[in-house]
Amino acid sequence: MATGNNHSPTTPSLTIAPQRTRRLRWIVIGLGLIAVLVAVFLSPIRSYATTGASYGARVACSCRFAGGRGLSDCRKDFEPGMELVTLSEDVEARSVTARFALITSETATYREGWGCVLEPWK
C-alpha cells in the first residue's frame, strides 16, 4: 500500500537544513556583535588599563623605594577598583612594574633626587 511518501529511511530530513541555517545566522550575528563591541570599547579599555598600570607602578615604586615598605604592603595605597593590577619589583634596578593582564604593563624606576619616574611610553 503506497502512502505517498517516496522518502527511504536513509534519506535525510529536509527540515534540518533550515534549523542549521537559523543557528548559523545567530552565531554570525553574535560574532558580529562581539566584533563591534570590541572595536568600540577596546580603545577606552586600553586607555583605562594604561592609566591604572601607570598609577600602580608610580605609587608602588614610591611606596617601596622611597617609603621603604614591602611591595605587598604597598597595595594598600591603591584606589578601589585596582584589583586587576599586579605588581612585580626589580630590587637591583629599583623599579616596580604594574601589569593589567593581557593589555598593558608600565614600569616606574626610582632615581635619586627625582623619586620614582615612569619609563617613557612607546
PDB file of N, CA and C in Angstrom:
ATOM      1  N   MET A   1       0.841  -1.175   0.000  1.00  0.00           N
ATOM      2  CA  MET A   1       0.000   0.000   0.000  1.00  0.00           C
ATOM      3  C   MET A   1       0.889   1.242   0.000  1.00  0.00           C
ATOM      4  N   ALA A   2       0.689   2.113  -0.916  1.00  0.00           N
ATOM      5  CA  ALA A   2       1.502   3.320  -1.058  1.00  0.00           C
ATOM      6  C   ALA A   2       0.934   4.419  -0.177  1.00  0.00           C
ATOM      7  N   THR A   3       1.813   5.103   0.533  1.00  0.00           N
ATOM      8  CA  THR A   3       1.386   6.195   1.411  1.00  0.00           C
ATOM      9  C   THR A   3       1.672   7.536   0.796  1.00  0.00           C
ATOM     10  N   GLY A   4       2.308   7.556  -0.321  1.00  0.00           N
ATOM     11  CA  GLY A   4       2.636   8.821  -0.958  1.00  0.00           C
ATOM     12  C   GLY A   4       3.977   9.359  -0.495  1.00  0.00           C
ATOM     13  N   ASN A   5       4.651   8.658   0.397  1.00  0.00           N
ATOM     14  CA  ASN A   5       5.943   9.077   0.908  1.00  0.00           C
ATOM     15  C   ASN A   5       7.026   8.374   0.121  1.00  0.00           C
ATOM     16  N   ASN A   6       7.753   9.073  -0.687  1.00  0.00           N
ATOM     17  CA  ASN A   6       8.798   8.497  -1.520  1.00  0.00           C
ATOM     18  C   ASN A   6      10.148   8.489  -0.832  1.00  0.00           C
ATOM     19  N   HIS A   7      10.224   8.935   0.433  1.00  0.00           N
ATOM     20  CA  HIS A   7      11.492   9.010   1.163  1.00  0.00           C
ATOM     21  C   HIS A   7      11.842   7.645   1.721  1.00  0.00           C
ATOM     22  N   SER A   8      13.047   7.225   1.502  1.00  0.00           N
ATOM     23  CA  SER A   8      13.513   5.979   2.096  1.00  0.00           C
ATOM     24  C   SER A   8      14.036   6.291   3.496  1.00  0.00           C
ATOM     25  N   PRO A   9      14.209   5.313   4.331  1.00  0.00           N
ATOM     26  CA  PRO A   9      14.711   5.554   5.689  1.00  0.00           C
ATOM     27  C   PRO A   9      16.093   6.179   5.713  1.00  0.00           C
ATOM     28  N   THR A  10      16.862   6.098   4.655  1.00  0.00           N
ATOM     29  CA  THR A  10      18.211   6.668   4.634  1.00  0.00           C
ATOM     30  C   THR A  10      18.247   8.081   4.088  1.00  0.00           C
ATOM     31  N   THR A  11      17.135   8.592   3.571  1.00  0.00           N
ATOM     32  CA  THR A  11      17.091   9.949   3.033  1.00  0.00           C
ATOM     33  C   THR A  11      17.034  10.943   4.193  1.00  0.00           C
ATOM     34  N   PRO A  12      17.955  11.910   4.250  1.00  0.00           N
ATOM     35  CA  PRO A  12      17.932  12.882   5.351  1.00  0.00           C
ATOM     36  C   PRO A  12      16.693  13.771   5.276  1.00  0.00           C
ATOM     37  N   SER A  13      16.280  14.179   6.434  1.00  0.00           N
ATOM     38  CA  SER A  13      15.108  15.044   6.515  1.00  0.00           C
ATOM     39  C   SER A  13      15.470  16.439   6.021  1.00  0.00           C
ATOM     40  N   LEU A  14      14.593  17.050   5.280  1.00  0.00           N
ATOM     41  CA  LEU A  14      14.846  18.379   4.728  1.00  0.00           C
ATOM     42  C   LEU A  14      14.602  19.480   5.751  1.00  0.00           C
ATOM     43  N   THR A  15      14.046  19.166   6.916  1.00  0.00           N
ATOM     44  CA  THR A  15      13.782  20.195   7.924  1.00  0.00           C
ATOM     45  C   THR A  15      15.024  20.535   8.728  1.00  0.00           C
ATOM     46  N   ILE A  16      16.073  19.749   8.648  1.00  0.00           N
ATOM     47  CA  ILE A  16      17.302  20.027   9.400  1.00  0.00           C
ATOM     48  C   ILE A  16      18.020  21.236   8.825  1.00  0.00           C
ATOM     49  N   ALA A  17      18.033  21.387   7.536  1.00  0.00           N
ATOM     50  CA  ALA A  17      18.764  22.479   6.891  1.00  0.00           C
ATOM     51  C   ALA A  17      18.297  23.856   7.371  1.00  0.00           C
ATOM     52  N   PRO A  18      17.001  24.150   7.456  1.00  0.00           N
ATOM     53  CA  PRO A  18      16.600  25.462   7.955  1.00  0.00           C
ATOM     54  C   PRO A  18      16.998  25.696   9.408  1.00  0.00           C
ATOM     55  N   GLN A  19      16.990  24.648  10.230  1.00  0.00           N
ATOM     56  CA  GLN A  19      17.407  24.800  11.622  1.00  0.00           C
ATOM     57  C   GLN A  19      18.887  25.142  11.701  1.00  0.00           C
ATOM     58  N   ARG A  20      19.701  24.475  10.910  1.00  0.00           N
ATOM     59  CA  ARG A  20      21.140  24.772  10.895  1.00  0.00           C
ATOM     60  C   ARG A  20      21.397  26.165  10.352  1.00  0.00           C
ATOM     61  N   THR A  21      20.635  26.548   9.338  1.00  0.00           N
ATOM     62  CA  THR A  21      20.790  27.877   8.761  1.00  0.00           C
ATOM     63  C   THR A  21      20.450  28.949   9.796  1.00  0.00           C
ATOM     64  N   ARG A  22      19.365  28.734  10.523  1.00  0.00           N
ATOM     65  CA  ARG A  22      18.981  29.688  11.564  1.00  0.00           C
ATOM     66  C   ARG A  22      20.035  29.766  12.658  1.00  0.00           C
ATOM     67  N   ARG A  23      20.541  28.635  13.093  1.00  0.00           N
ATOM     68  CA  ARG A  23      21.573  28.604  14.130  1.00  0.00           C
ATOM     69  C   ARG A  23      22.836  29.300  13.641  1.00  0.00           C
ATOM     70  N   LEU A  24      23.240  29.006  12.417  1.00  0.00           N
ATOM     71  CA  LEU A  24      24.425  29.640  11.840  1.00  0.00           C
ATOM     72  C   LEU A  24      24.228  31.148  11.737  1.00  0.00           C
ATOM     73  N   ARG A  25      23.040  31.576  11.345  1.00  0.00           N
ATOM     74  CA  ARG A  25      22.741  33.003  11.249  1.00  0.00           C
ATOM     75  C   ARG A  25      22.904  33.682  12.609  1.00  0.00           C
ATOM     76  N   TRP A  26      22.388  33.056  13.694  1.00  0.00           N
ATOM     77  CA  TRP A  26      22.514  33.641  15.036  1.00  0.00           C
ATOM     78  C   TRP A  26      23.959  33.653  15.508  1.00  0.00           C
ATOM     79  N   ILE A  27      24.717  32.630  15.142  1.00  0.00           N
ATOM     80  CA  ILE A  27      26.134  32.617  15.502  1.00  0.00           C
ATOM     81  C   ILE A  27      26.873  33.749  14.805  1.00  0.00           C
ATOM     82  N   VAL A  28      26.611  33.938  13.523  1.00  0.00           N
ATOM     83  CA  VAL A  28      27.251  35.024  12.768  1.00  0.00           C
ATOM     84  C   VAL A  28      26.850  36.380  13.339  1.00  0.00           C
ATOM     85  N   ILE A  29      25.562  36.558  13.658  1.00  0.00           N
ATOM     86  CA  ILE A  29      25.104  37.821  14.252  1.00  0.00           C
ATOM     87  C   ILE A  29      25.785  38.046  15.598  1.00  0.00           C
ATOM     88  N   GLY A  30      25.883  37.001  16.420  1.00  0.00           N
ATOM     89  CA  GLY A  30      26.539  37.124  17.720  1.00  0.00           C
ATOM     90  C   GLY A  30      28.008  37.490  17.598  1.00  0.00           C
ATOM     91  N   LEU A  31      28.711  36.817  16.689  1.00  0.00           N
ATOM     92  CA  LEU A  31      30.125  37.136  16.478  1.00  0.00           C
ATOM     93  C   LEU A  31      30.304  38.546  15.932  1.00  0.00           C
ATOM     94  N   GLY A  32      29.406  38.958  15.054  1.00  0.00           N
ATOM     95  CA  GLY A  32      29.466  40.331  14.539  1.00  0.00           C
ATOM     96  C   GLY A  32      29.250  41.353  15.635  1.00  0.00           C
ATOM     97  N   LEU A  33      28.304  41.072  16.525  1.00  0.00           N
ATOM     98  CA  LEU A  33      28.044  41.976  17.648  1.00  0.00           C
ATOM     99  C   LEU A  33      29.247  42.053  18.581  1.00  0.00           C
ATOM    100  N   ILE A  34      29.869  40.918  18.853  1.00  0.00           N
ATOM    101  CA  ILE A  34      31.074  40.911  19.691  1.00  0.00           C
ATOM    102  C   ILE A  34      32.186  41.720  19.025  1.00  0.00           C
ATOM    103  N   ALA A  35      32.365  41.561  17.724  1.00  0.00           N
ATOM    104  CA  ALA A  35      33.397  42.308  16.999  1.00  0.00           C
ATOM    105  C   ALA A  35      33.147  43.810  17.068  1.00  0.00           C
ATOM    106  N   VAL A  36      31.889  44.212  16.934  1.00  0.00           N
ATOM    107  CA  VAL A  36      31.549  45.640  17.016  1.00  0.00           C
ATOM    108  C   VAL A  36      31.830  46.163  18.421  1.00  0.00           C
ATOM    109  N   LEU A  37      31.442  45.418  19.449  1.00  0.00           N
ATOM    110  CA  LEU A  37      31.677  45.857  20.824  1.00  0.00           C
ATOM    111  C   LEU A  37      33.168  45.978  21.129  1.00  0.00           C
ATOM    112  N   VAL A  38      33.955  45.014  20.657  1.00  0.00           N
ATOM    113  CA  VAL A  38      35.405  45.087  20.858  1.00  0.00           C
ATOM    114  C   VAL A  38      35.970  46.314  20.147  1.00  0.00           C
ATOM    115  N   ALA A  39      35.537  46.563  18.919  1.00  0.00           N
ATOM    116  CA  ALA A  39      36.036  47.711  18.164  1.00  0.00           C
ATOM    117  C   ALA A  39      35.680  49.032  18.851  1.00  0.00           C
ATOM    118  N   VAL A  40      34.492  49.105  19.422  1.00  0.00           N
ATOM    119  CA  VAL A  40      34.044  50.342  20.063  1.00  0.00           C
ATOM    120  C   VAL A  40      34.724  50.553  21.407  1.00  0.00           C
ATOM    121  N   PHE A  41      34.858  49.481  22.194  1.00  0.00           N
ATOM    122  CA  PHE A  41      35.323  49.641  23.572  1.00  0.00           C
ATOM    123  C   PHE A  41      36.787  49.305  23.795  1.00  0.00           C
ATOM    124  N   LEU A  42      37.514  48.797  22.807  1.00  0.00           N
ATOM    125  CA  LEU A  42      38.903  48.423  23.020  1.00  0.00           C
ATOM    126  C   LEU A  42      39.780  49.625  23.357  1.00  0.00           C
ATOM    127  N   SER A  43      39.618  50.707  22.655  1.00  0.00           N
ATOM    128  CA  SER A  43      40.438  51.885  22.912  1.00  0.00           C
ATOM    129  C   SER A  43      40.215  52.455  24.312  1.00  0.00           C
ATOM    130  N   PRO A  44      38.971  52.644  24.756  1.00  0.00           N
ATOM    131  CA  PRO A  44      38.781  53.131  26.126  1.00  0.00           C
ATOM    132  C   PRO A  44      39.293  52.144  27.183  1.00  0.00           C
ATOM    133  N   ILE A  45      39.103  50.851  26.957  1.00  0.00           N
ATOM    134  CA  ILE A  45      39.588  49.859  27.923  1.00  0.00           C
ATOM    135  C   ILE A  45      41.104  49.910  28.005  1.00  0.00           C
ATOM    136  N   ARG A  46      41.760  49.990  26.847  1.00  0.00           N
ATOM    137  CA  ARG A  46      43.219  50.071  26.830  1.00  0.00           C
ATOM    138  C   ARG A  46      43.704  51.345  27.529  1.00  0.00           C
ATOM    139  N   SER A  47      42.991  52.449  27.331  1.00  0.00           N
ATOM    140  CA  SER A  47      43.377  53.711  27.976  1.00  0.00           C
ATOM    141  C   SER A  47      43.237  53.635  29.492  1.00  0.00           C
ATOM    142  N   TYR A  48      42.124  53.091  29.965  1.00  0.00           N
ATOM    143  CA  TYR A  48      41.931  52.937  31.417  1.00  0.00           C
ATOM    144  C   TYR A  48      42.959  51.969  32.004  1.00  0.00           C
ATOM    145  N   ALA A  49      43.273  50.895  31.281  1.00  0.00           N
ATOM    146  CA  ALA A  49      44.259  49.934  31.764  1.00  0.00           C
ATOM    147  C   ALA A  49      45.647  50.573  31.848  1.00  0.00           C
ATOM    148  N   THR A  50      46.006  51.363  30.859  1.00  0.00           N
ATOM    149  CA  THR A  50      47.307  52.043  30.875  1.00  0.00           C
ATOM    150  C   THR A  50      47.382  53.047  32.020  1.00  0.00           C
ATOM    151  N   THR A  51      46.300  53.778  32.244  1.00  0.00           N
ATOM    152  CA  THR A  51      46.263  54.736  33.349  1.00  0.00           C
ATOM    153  C   THR A  51      46.399  54.015  34.690  1.00  0.00           C
ATOM    154  N   GLY A  52      45.670  52.922  34.858  1.00  0.00           N
ATOM    155  CA  GLY A  52      45.734  52.167  36.106  1.00  0.00           C
ATOM    156  C   GLY A  52      47.106  51.559  36.343  1.00  0.00           C
ATOM    157  N   ALA A  53      47.706  51.003  35.297  1.00  0.00           N
ATOM    158  CA  ALA A  53      49.038  50.414  35.435  1.00  0.00           C
ATOM    159  C   ALA A  53      50.087  51.492  35.720  1.00  0.00           C
ATOM    160  N   SER A  54      49.971  52.642  35.074  1.00  0.00           N
ATOM    161  CA  SER A  54      50.916  53.738  35.324  1.00  0.00           C
ATOM    162  C   SER A  54      50.805  54.236  36.758  1.00  0.00           C
ATOM    163  N   TYR A  55      49.587  54.444  37.211  1.00  0.00           N
ATOM    164  CA  TYR A  55      49.356  54.879  38.590  1.00  0.00           C
ATOM    165  C   TYR A  55      49.896  53.834  39.567  1.00  0.00           C
ATOM    166  N   GLY A  56      49.598  52.564  39.299  1.00  0.00           N
ATOM    167  CA  GLY A  56      50.057  51.497  40.188  1.00  0.00           C
ATOM    168  C   GLY A  56      51.565  51.416  40.268  1.00  0.00           C
ATOM    169  N   ALA A  57      52.242  51.515  39.131  1.00  0.00           N
ATOM    170  CA  ALA A  57      53.701  51.450  39.113  1.00  0.00           C
ATOM    171  C   ALA A  57      54.308  52.622  39.868  1.00  0.00           C
ATOM    172  N   ARG A  58      53.797  53.804  39.638  1.00  0.00           N
ATOM    173  CA  ARG A  58      54.337  55.011  40.282  1.00  0.00           C
ATOM    174  C   ARG A  58      54.115  54.992  41.786  1.00  0.00           C
ATOM    175  N   VAL A  59      52.907  54.653  42.218  1.00  0.00           N
ATOM    176  CA  VAL A  59      52.588  54.635  43.650  1.00  0.00           C
ATOM    177  C   VAL A  59      53.361  53.521  44.357  1.00  0.00           C
ATOM    178  N   ALA A  60      53.397  52.329  43.760  1.00  0.00           N
ATOM    179  CA  ALA A  60      54.091  51.211  44.391  1.00  0.00           C
ATOM    180  C   ALA A  60      55.599  51.440  44.433  1.00  0.00           C
ATOM    181  N   CYS A  61      56.158  52.051  43.402  1.00  0.00           N
ATOM    182  CA  CYS A  61      57.590  52.364  43.393  1.00  0.00           C
ATOM    183  C   CYS A  61      57.924  53.354  44.506  1.00  0.00           C
ATOM    184  N   SER A  62      57.122  54.385  44.646  1.00  0.00           N
ATOM    185  CA  SER A  62      57.358  55.379  45.707  1.00  0.00           C
ATOM    186  C   SER A  62      57.219  54.734  47.080  1.00  0.00           C
ATOM    187  N   CYS A  63      56.211  53.927  47.232  1.00  0.00           N
ATOM    188  CA  CYS A  63      55.985  53.245  48.497  1.00  0.00           C
ATOM    189  C   CYS A  63      57.158  52.328  48.827  1.00  0.00           C
ATOM    190  N   ARG A  64      57.616  51.571  47.834  1.00  0.00           N
ATOM    191  CA  ARG A  64      58.651  50.563  48.058  1.00  0.00           C
ATOM    192  C   ARG A  64      60.024  51.171  48.246  1.00  0.00           C
ATOM    193  N   PHE A  65      60.430  52.061  47.354  1.00  0.00           N
ATOM    194  CA  PHE A  65      61.811  52.523  47.377  1.00  0.00           C
ATOM    195  C   PHE A  65      61.994  53.865  48.074  1.00  0.00           C
ATOM    196  N   ALA A  66      60.994  54.725  48.089  1.00  0.00           N
ATOM    197  CA  ALA A  66      61.111  55.983  48.831  1.00  0.00           C
ATOM    198  C   ALA A  66      60.606  55.797  50.260  1.00  0.00           C
ATOM    199  N   GLY A  67      59.548  54.994  50.410  1.00  0.00           N
ATOM    200  CA  GLY A  67      58.969  54.774  51.735  1.00  0.00           C
ATOM    201  C   GLY A  67      59.552  53.594  52.477  1.00  0.00           C
ATOM    202  N   GLY A  68      60.212  52.689  51.779  1.00  0.00           N
ATOM    203  CA  GLY A  68      60.847  51.551  52.414  1.00  0.00           C
ATOM    204  C   GLY A  68      59.893  50.453  52.865  1.00  0.00           C
ATOM    205  N   ARG A  69      58.674  50.459  52.370  1.00  0.00           N
ATOM    206  CA  ARG A  69      57.711  49.429  52.755  1.00  0.00           C
ATOM    207  C   ARG A  69      57.806  48.237  51.799  1.00  0.00           C
ATOM    208  N   GLY A  70      57.243  47.118  52.212  1.00  0.00           N
ATOM    209  CA  GLY A  70      57.212  45.933  51.365  1.00  0.00           C
ATOM    210  C   GLY A  70      56.205  46.112  50.243  1.00  0.00           C
ATOM    211  N   LEU A  71      56.449  45.423  49.130  1.00  0.00           N
ATOM    212  CA  LEU A  71      55.582  45.572  47.966  1.00  0.00           C
ATOM    213  C   LEU A  71      54.146  45.135  48.264  1.00  0.00           C
ATOM    214  N   SER A  72      53.982  44.079  49.040  1.00  0.00           N
ATOM    215  CA  SER A  72      52.624  43.627  49.380  1.00  0.00           C
ATOM    216  C   SER A  72      51.900  44.669  50.241  1.00  0.00           C
ATOM    217  N   ASP A  73      52.636  45.387  51.062  1.00  0.00           N
ATOM    218  CA  ASP A  73      52.036  46.441  51.894  1.00  0.00           C
ATOM    219  C   ASP A  73      51.637  47.659  51.049  1.00  0.00           C
ATOM    220  N   CYS A  74      52.312  47.844  49.930  1.00  0.00           N
ATOM    221  CA  CYS A  74      52.041  48.999  49.066  1.00  0.00           C
ATOM    222  C   CYS A  74      50.686  48.908  48.367  1.00  0.00           C
ATOM    223  N   ARG A  75      50.135  47.706  48.242  1.00  0.00           N
ATOM    224  CA  ARG A  75      48.809  47.555  47.613  1.00  0.00           C
ATOM    225  C   ARG A  75      47.735  48.290  48.403  1.00  0.00           C
ATOM    226  N   LYS A  76      47.985  48.540  49.670  1.00  0.00           N
ATOM    227  CA  LYS A  76      47.019  49.283  50.498  1.00  0.00           C
ATOM    228  C   LYS A  76      46.824  50.708  49.982  1.00  0.00           C
ATOM    229  N   ASP A  77      47.798  51.216  49.264  1.00  0.00           N
ATOM    230  CA  ASP A  77      47.729  52.587  48.760  1.00  0.00           C
ATOM    231  C   ASP A  77      46.930  52.704  47.463  1.00  0.00           C
ATOM    232  N   PHE A  78      46.539  51.588  46.886  1.00  0.00           N
ATOM    233  CA  PHE A  78      45.792  51.610  45.632  1.00  0.00           C
ATOM    234  C   PHE A  78      44.362  52.080  45.861  1.00  0.00           C
ATOM    235  N   GLU A  79      43.821  52.669  44.832  1.00  0.00           N
ATOM    236  CA  GLU A  79      42.427  53.097  44.837  1.00  0.00           C
ATOM    237  C   GLU A  79      41.516  51.887  44.657  1.00  0.00           C
ATOM    238  N   PRO A  80      40.263  51.989  45.115  1.00  0.00           N
ATOM    239  CA  PRO A  80      39.321  50.893  44.874  1.00  0.00           C
ATOM    240  C   PRO A  80      39.156  50.655  43.360  1.00  0.00           C
ATOM    241  N   GLY A  81      39.035  49.394  42.981  1.00  0.00           N
ATOM    242  CA  GLY A  81      38.874  49.052  41.580  1.00  0.00           C
ATOM    243  C   GLY A  81      40.172  48.665  40.893  1.00  0.00           C
ATOM    244  N   MET A  82      41.279  48.670  41.629  1.00  0.00           N
ATOM    245  CA  MET A  82      42.580  48.344  41.017  1.00  0.00           C
ATOM    246  C   MET A  82      43.007  46.908  41.330  1.00  0.00           C
ATOM    247  N   GLU A  83      42.058  46.049  41.598  1.00  0.00           N
ATOM    248  CA  GLU A  83      42.372  44.670  41.963  1.00  0.00           C
ATOM    249  C   GLU A  83      43.015  43.894  40.818  1.00  0.00           C
ATOM    250  N   LEU A  84      42.777  44.287  39.577  1.00  0.00           N
ATOM    251  CA  LEU A  84      43.326  43.572  38.428  1.00  0.00           C
ATOM    252  C   LEU A  84      44.757  43.975  38.091  1.00  0.00           C
ATOM    253  N   VAL A  85      45.276  44.977  38.771  1.00  0.00           N
ATOM    254  CA  VAL A  85      46.655  45.409  38.538  1.00  0.00           C
ATOM    255  C   VAL A  85      47.576  44.577  39.425  1.00  0.00           C
ATOM    256  N   THR A  86      48.541  43.894  38.798  1.00  0.00           N
ATOM    257  CA  THR A  86      49.513  43.093  39.547  1.00  0.00           C
ATOM    258  C   THR A  86      50.853  43.812  39.566  1.00  0.00           C
ATOM    259  N   LEU A  87      51.629  43.563  40.610  1.00  0.00           N
ATOM    260  CA  LEU A  87      52.905  44.247  40.798  1.00  0.00           C
ATOM    261  C   LEU A  87      54.060  43.249  40.837  1.00  0.00           C
ATOM    262  N   SER A  88      55.203  43.685  40.313  1.00  0.00           N
ATOM    263  CA  SER A  88      56.448  42.943  40.469  1.00  0.00           C
ATOM    264  C   SER A  88      57.560  43.969  40.610  1.00  0.00           C
ATOM    265  N   GLU A  89      58.615  43.568  41.318  1.00  0.00           N
ATOM    266  CA  GLU A  89      59.709  44.515  41.536  1.00  0.00           C
ATOM    267  C   GLU A  89      61.031  43.946  41.065  1.00  0.00           C
ATOM    268  N   ASP A  90      61.926  44.848  40.717  1.00  0.00           N
ATOM    269  CA  ASP A  90      63.306  44.512  40.396  1.00  0.00           C
ATOM    270  C   ASP A  90      64.147  45.314  41.372  1.00  0.00           C
ATOM    271  N   VAL A  91      64.581  44.650  42.453  1.00  0.00           N
ATOM    272  CA  VAL A  91      65.288  45.343  43.534  1.00  0.00           C
ATOM    273  C   VAL A  91      66.601  45.930  43.030  1.00  0.00           C
ATOM    274  N   GLU A  92      67.304  45.206  42.177  1.00  0.00           N
ATOM    275  CA  GLU A  92      68.585  45.674  41.666  1.00  0.00           C
ATOM    276  C   GLU A  92      68.430  46.959  40.846  1.00  0.00           C
ATOM    277  N   ALA A  93      67.402  47.013  39.999  1.00  0.00           N
ATOM    278  CA  ALA A  93      67.154  48.200  39.174  1.00  0.00           C
ATOM    279  C   ALA A  93      66.337  49.242  39.927  1.00  0.00           C
ATOM    280  N   ARG A  94      65.838  48.892  41.107  1.00  0.00           N
ATOM    281  CA  ARG A  94      64.991  49.770  41.926  1.00  0.00           C
ATOM    282  C   ARG A  94      63.775  50.235  41.131  1.00  0.00           C
ATOM    283  N   SER A  95      63.081  49.264  40.554  1.00  0.00           N
ATOM    284  CA  SER A  95      61.900  49.573  39.754  1.00  0.00           C
ATOM    285  C   SER A  95      60.753  48.639  40.122  1.00  0.00           C
ATOM    286  N   VAL A  96      59.540  49.114  39.825  1.00  0.00           N
ATOM    287  CA  VAL A  96      58.326  48.339  40.026  1.00  0.00           C
ATOM    288  C   VAL A  96      57.559  48.337  38.705  1.00  0.00           C
ATOM    289  N   THR A  97      57.098  47.160  38.300  1.00  0.00           N
ATOM    290  CA  THR A  97      56.285  47.030  37.099  1.00  0.00           C
ATOM    291  C   THR A  97      54.873  46.656  37.508  1.00  0.00           C
ATOM    292  N   ALA A  98      53.909  47.393  36.990  1.00  0.00           N
ATOM    293  CA  ALA A  98      52.494  47.102  37.224  1.00  0.00           C
ATOM    294  C   ALA A  98      51.907  46.604  35.913  1.00  0.00           C
ATOM    295  N   ARG A  99      51.133  45.526  35.995  1.00  0.00           N
ATOM    296  CA  ARG A  99      50.540  44.931  34.791  1.00  0.00           C
ATOM    297  C   ARG A  99      49.030  44.847  34.930  1.00  0.00           C
ATOM    298  N   PHE A 100      48.372  45.155  33.846  1.00  0.00           N
ATOM    299  CA  PHE A 100      46.938  44.911  33.723  1.00  0.00           C
ATOM    300  C   PHE A 100      46.856  43.764  32.728  1.00  0.00           C
ATOM    301  N   ALA A 101      46.474  42.598  33.200  1.00  0.00           N
ATOM    302  CA  ALA A 101      46.591  41.336  32.463  1.00  0.00           C
ATOM    303  C   ALA A 101      46.204  41.445  30.993  1.00  0.00           C
ATOM    304  N   LEU A 102      47.102  40.987  30.149  1.00  0.00           N
ATOM    305  CA  LEU A 102      46.924  40.864  28.698  1.00  0.00           C
ATOM    306  C   LEU A 102      46.730  42.181  27.952  1.00  0.00           C
ATOM    307  N   ILE A 103      46.795  43.307  28.651  1.00  0.00           N
ATOM    308  CA  ILE A 103      46.551  44.576  27.961  1.00  0.00           C
ATOM    309  C   ILE A 103      47.780  45.470  27.984  1.00  0.00           C
ATOM    310  N   THR A 104      48.350  45.718  29.175  1.00  0.00           N
ATOM    311  CA  THR A 104      49.454  46.669  29.250  1.00  0.00           C
ATOM    312  C   THR A 104      50.297  46.428  30.495  1.00  0.00           C
ATOM    313  N   SER A 105      51.491  46.964  30.478  1.00  0.00           N
ATOM    314  CA  SER A 105      52.342  46.995  31.669  1.00  0.00           C
ATOM    315  C   SER A 105      53.129  48.301  31.644  1.00  0.00           C
ATOM    316  N   GLU A 106      53.364  48.822  32.835  1.00  0.00           N
ATOM    317  CA  GLU A 106      54.120  50.070  32.981  1.00  0.00           C
ATOM    318  C   GLU A 106      55.149  49.892  34.083  1.00  0.00           C
ATOM    319  N   THR A 107      56.296  50.535  33.927  1.00  0.00           N
ATOM    320  CA  THR A 107      57.384  50.421  34.893  1.00  0.00           C
ATOM    321  C   THR A 107      57.782  51.796  35.389  1.00  0.00           C
ATOM    322  N   ALA A 108      57.965  51.907  36.708  1.00  0.00           N
ATOM    323  CA  ALA A 108      58.482  53.125  37.327  1.00  0.00           C
ATOM    324  C   ALA A 108      59.796  52.771  38.015  1.00  0.00           C
ATOM    325  N   THR A 109      60.796  53.619  37.837  1.00  0.00           N
ATOM    326  CA  THR A 109      62.122  53.384  38.395  1.00  0.00           C
ATOM    327  C   THR A 109      62.479  54.519  39.348  1.00  0.00           C
ATOM    328  N   TYR A 110      63.035  54.137  40.513  1.00  0.00           N
ATOM    329  CA  TYR A 110      63.452  55.138  41.493  1.00  0.00           C
ATOM    330  C   TYR A 110      64.779  55.745  41.057  1.00  0.00           C
ATOM    331  N   ARG A 111      64.801  57.083  40.978  1.00  0.00           N
ATOM    332  CA  ARG A 111      66.027  57.808  40.636  1.00  0.00           C
ATOM    333  C   ARG A 111      66.306  58.805  41.751  1.00  0.00           C
ATOM    334  N   GLU A 112      67.490  58.721  42.289  1.00  0.00           N
ATOM    335  CA  GLU A 112      67.879  59.599  43.395  1.00  0.00           C
ATOM    336  C   GLU A 112      67.698  61.061  42.995  1.00  0.00           C
ATOM    337  N   GLY A 113      67.030  61.811  43.838  1.00  0.00           N
ATOM    338  CA  GLY A 113      66.776  63.220  43.571  1.00  0.00           C
ATOM    339  C   GLY A 113      65.514  63.470  42.757  1.00  0.00           C
ATOM    340  N   TRP A 114      65.027  62.475  42.063  1.00  0.00           N
ATOM    341  CA  TRP A 114      63.827  62.610  41.234  1.00  0.00           C
ATOM    342  C   TRP A 114      62.645  61.824  41.792  1.00  0.00           C
ATOM    343  N   GLY A 115      62.927  60.818  42.589  1.00  0.00           N
ATOM    344  CA  GLY A 115      61.868  59.927  43.051  1.00  0.00           C
ATOM    345  C   GLY A 115      61.586  58.875  41.998  1.00  0.00           C
ATOM    346  N   CYS A 116      60.369  58.386  41.970  1.00  0.00           N
ATOM    347  CA  CYS A 116      60.003  57.344  41.003  1.00  0.00           C
ATOM    348  C   CYS A 116      59.490  57.977  39.720  1.00  0.00           C
ATOM    349  N   VAL A 117      60.064  57.537  38.619  1.00  0.00           N
ATOM    350  CA  VAL A 117      59.752  58.104  37.309  1.00  0.00           C
ATOM    351  C   VAL A 117      59.289  56.968  36.407  1.00  0.00           C
ATOM    352  N   LEU A 118      58.180  57.208  35.696  1.00  0.00           N
ATOM    353  CA  LEU A 118      57.696  56.208  34.749  1.00  0.00           C
ATOM    354  C   LEU A 118      58.629  56.128  33.549  1.00  0.00           C
ATOM    355  N   GLU A 119      58.777  54.926  33.030  1.00  0.00           N
ATOM    356  CA  GLU A 119      59.554  54.750  31.810  1.00  0.00           C
ATOM    357  C   GLU A 119      58.802  55.415  30.657  1.00  0.00           C
ATOM    358  N   PRO A 120      59.517  55.958  29.683  1.00  0.00           N
ATOM    359  CA  PRO A 120      58.842  56.633  28.557  1.00  0.00           C
ATOM    360  C   PRO A 120      57.911  55.674  27.806  1.00  0.00           C
ATOM    361  N   TRP A 121      56.798  56.205  27.349  1.00  0.00           N
ATOM    362  CA  TRP A 121      55.855  55.416  26.557  1.00  0.00           C
ATOM    363  C   TRP A 121      56.363  55.302  25.148  1.00  0.00           C
ATOM    364  N   LYS A 122      56.021  54.199  24.525  1.00  0.00           N
ATOM    365  CA  LYS A 122      56.469  53.955  23.144  1.00  0.00           C
ATOM    366  C   LYS A 122      55.344  54.221  22.189  1.00  0.00           C
TER     367      LYS A 122
END
